[in-house]
């Protein structure tokens, strides 16, 4: 759960989340940076290690040449 979500408590003391949004969200680079700044330390560490793993995977990737000529 992100810290930016607003939570509401109803009369039975149950927490109600906003409905999940599925799809692409187009944000400005400034908004993305502000979101990253406000993350917790653990979330920042997870994002950093995810970035390192993704980069290592891309470097190891082998691209096979195609013999099909258009």
C-alpha atoms as a PDB file:
ATOM      1  CA  UNK A   1       0.000   0.000   0.000  1.00  0.00           C
ATOM      2  CA  UNK A   2       1.438   3.358  -0.904  1.00  0.00           C
ATOM      3  CA  UNK A   3       1.526   6.240   1.521  1.00  0.00           C
ATOM      4  CA  UNK A   4      -0.284   8.499  -0.956  1.00  0.00           C
ATOM      5  CA  UNK A   5      -3.568   6.586  -0.753  1.00  0.00           C
ATOM      6  CA  UNK A   6      -6.333   8.133   1.248  1.00  0.00           C
ATOM      7  CA  UNK A   7      -7.993   5.759   3.688  1.00  0.00           C
ATOM      8  CA  UNK A   8     -11.496   6.191   5.038  1.00  0.00           C
ATOM      9  CA  UNK A   9     -12.907   4.605   8.193  1.00  0.00           C
ATOM     10  CA  UNK A  10     -16.602   3.790   8.117  1.00  0.00           C
ATOM     11  CA  UNK A  11     -19.013   3.529  11.050  1.00  0.00           C
ATOM     12  CA  UNK A  12     -17.995  -0.107  11.753  1.00  0.00           C
ATOM     13  CA  UNK A  13     -14.314   0.882  12.158  1.00  0.00           C
ATOM     14  CA  UNK A  14     -13.372  -0.807   8.901  1.00  0.00           C
ATOM     15  CA  UNK A  15     -10.833   0.771   6.593  1.00  0.00           C
ATOM     16  CA  UNK A  16     -12.005   1.406   3.047  1.00  0.00           C
ATOM     17  CA  UNK A  17      -9.416   1.768   0.294  1.00  0.00           C
ATOM     18  CA  UNK A  18     -10.004   3.684  -2.875  1.00  0.00           C
ATOM     19  CA  UNK A  19     -10.687   1.292  -5.761  1.00  0.00           C
ATOM     20  CA  UNK A  20      -7.612   0.119  -7.630  1.00  0.00           C
ATOM     21  CA  UNK A  21      -6.825   1.758 -10.948  1.00  0.00           C
ATOM     22  CA  UNK A  22      -5.659  -0.483 -13.771  1.00  0.00           C
ATOM     23  CA  UNK A  23      -3.996   0.937 -16.840  1.00  0.00           C
ATOM     24  CA  UNK A  24      -1.337   3.433 -17.766  1.00  0.00           C
ATOM     25  CA  UNK A  25      -0.815   6.550 -15.708  1.00  0.00           C
ATOM     26  CA  UNK A  26       1.084   9.313 -17.439  1.00  0.00           C
ATOM     27  CA  UNK A  27       2.943  11.471 -14.926  1.00  0.00           C
ATOM     28  CA  UNK A  28       5.489  14.190 -15.373  1.00  0.00           C
ATOM     29  CA  UNK A  29       9.129  13.474 -14.435  1.00  0.00           C
ATOM     30  CA  UNK A  30       8.752  15.902 -11.526  1.00  0.00           C
ATOM     31  CA  UNK A  31       5.794  13.931 -10.139  1.00  0.00           C
ATOM     32  CA  UNK A  32       7.730  10.668 -10.467  1.00  0.00           C
ATOM     33  CA  UNK A  33      10.694  12.202  -8.652  1.00  0.00           C
ATOM     34  CA  UNK A  34       8.491  13.506  -5.824  1.00  0.00           C
ATOM     35  CA  UNK A  35       6.944  10.058  -5.446  1.00  0.00           C
ATOM     36  CA  UNK A  36      10.411   8.481  -5.250  1.00  0.00           C
ATOM     37  CA  UNK A  37      11.573  11.034  -2.669  1.00  0.00           C
ATOM     38  CA  UNK A  38       8.605  10.290  -0.404  1.00  0.00           C
ATOM     39  CA  UNK A  39       9.151   6.514  -0.415  1.00  0.00           C
ATOM     40  CA  UNK A  40      10.317   4.735   2.705  1.00  0.00           C
ATOM     41  CA  UNK A  41      13.905   3.536   2.977  1.00  0.00           C
ATOM     42  CA  UNK A  42      12.907  -0.083   2.352  1.00  0.00           C
ATOM     43  CA  UNK A  43      10.945   0.823  -0.787  1.00  0.00           C
ATOM     44  CA  UNK A  44      13.941   2.807  -2.080  1.00  0.00           C
ATOM     45  CA  UNK A  45      16.232  -0.174  -1.450  1.00  0.00           C
ATOM     46  CA  UNK A  46      13.835  -2.531  -3.253  1.00  0.00           C
ATOM     47  CA  UNK A  47      13.591  -0.198  -6.246  1.00  0.00           C
ATOM     48  CA  UNK A  48      17.388   0.097  -6.373  1.00  0.00           C
ATOM     49  CA  UNK A  49      17.978  -3.667  -6.274  1.00  0.00           C
ATOM     50  CA  UNK A  50      15.243  -4.163  -8.899  1.00  0.00           C
ATOM     51  CA  UNK A  51      17.062  -1.666 -11.128  1.00  0.00           C
ATOM     52  CA  UNK A  52      20.378  -3.505 -10.660  1.00  0.00           C
ATOM     53  CA  UNK A  53      18.818  -6.884 -11.488  1.00  0.00           C
ATOM     54  CA  UNK A  54      17.095  -5.499 -14.579  1.00  0.00           C
ATOM     55  CA  UNK A  55      20.340  -3.947 -15.822  1.00  0.00           C
ATOM     56  CA  UNK A  56      22.282  -7.192 -15.245  1.00  0.00           C
ATOM     57  CA  UNK A  57      19.620  -9.122 -17.136  1.00  0.00           C
ATOM     58  CA  UNK A  58      19.775  -6.731 -20.071  1.00  0.00           C
ATOM     59  CA  UNK A  59      23.572  -6.974 -20.255  1.00  0.00           C
ATOM     60  CA  UNK A  60      23.407 -10.796 -20.330  1.00  0.00           C
ATOM     61  CA  UNK A  61      20.714 -10.866 -22.983  1.00  0.00           C
ATOM     62  CA  UNK A  62      21.708 -12.454 -26.292  1.00  0.00           C
ATOM     63  CA  UNK A  63      20.043 -11.133 -29.405  1.00  0.00           C
ATOM     64  CA  UNK A  64      19.953 -13.662 -32.217  1.00  0.00           C
ATOM     65  CA  UNK A  65      20.307 -12.327 -35.727  1.00  0.00           C
ATOM     66  CA  UNK A  66      17.478 -13.076 -38.056  1.00  0.00           C
ATOM     67  CA  UNK A  67      18.145 -14.500 -41.522  1.00  0.00           C
ATOM     68  CA  UNK A  68      14.849 -13.161 -42.845  1.00  0.00           C
ATOM     69  CA  UNK A  69      15.356 -10.292 -45.259  1.00  0.00           C
ATOM     70  CA  UNK A  70      12.481  -8.018 -46.057  1.00  0.00           C
END
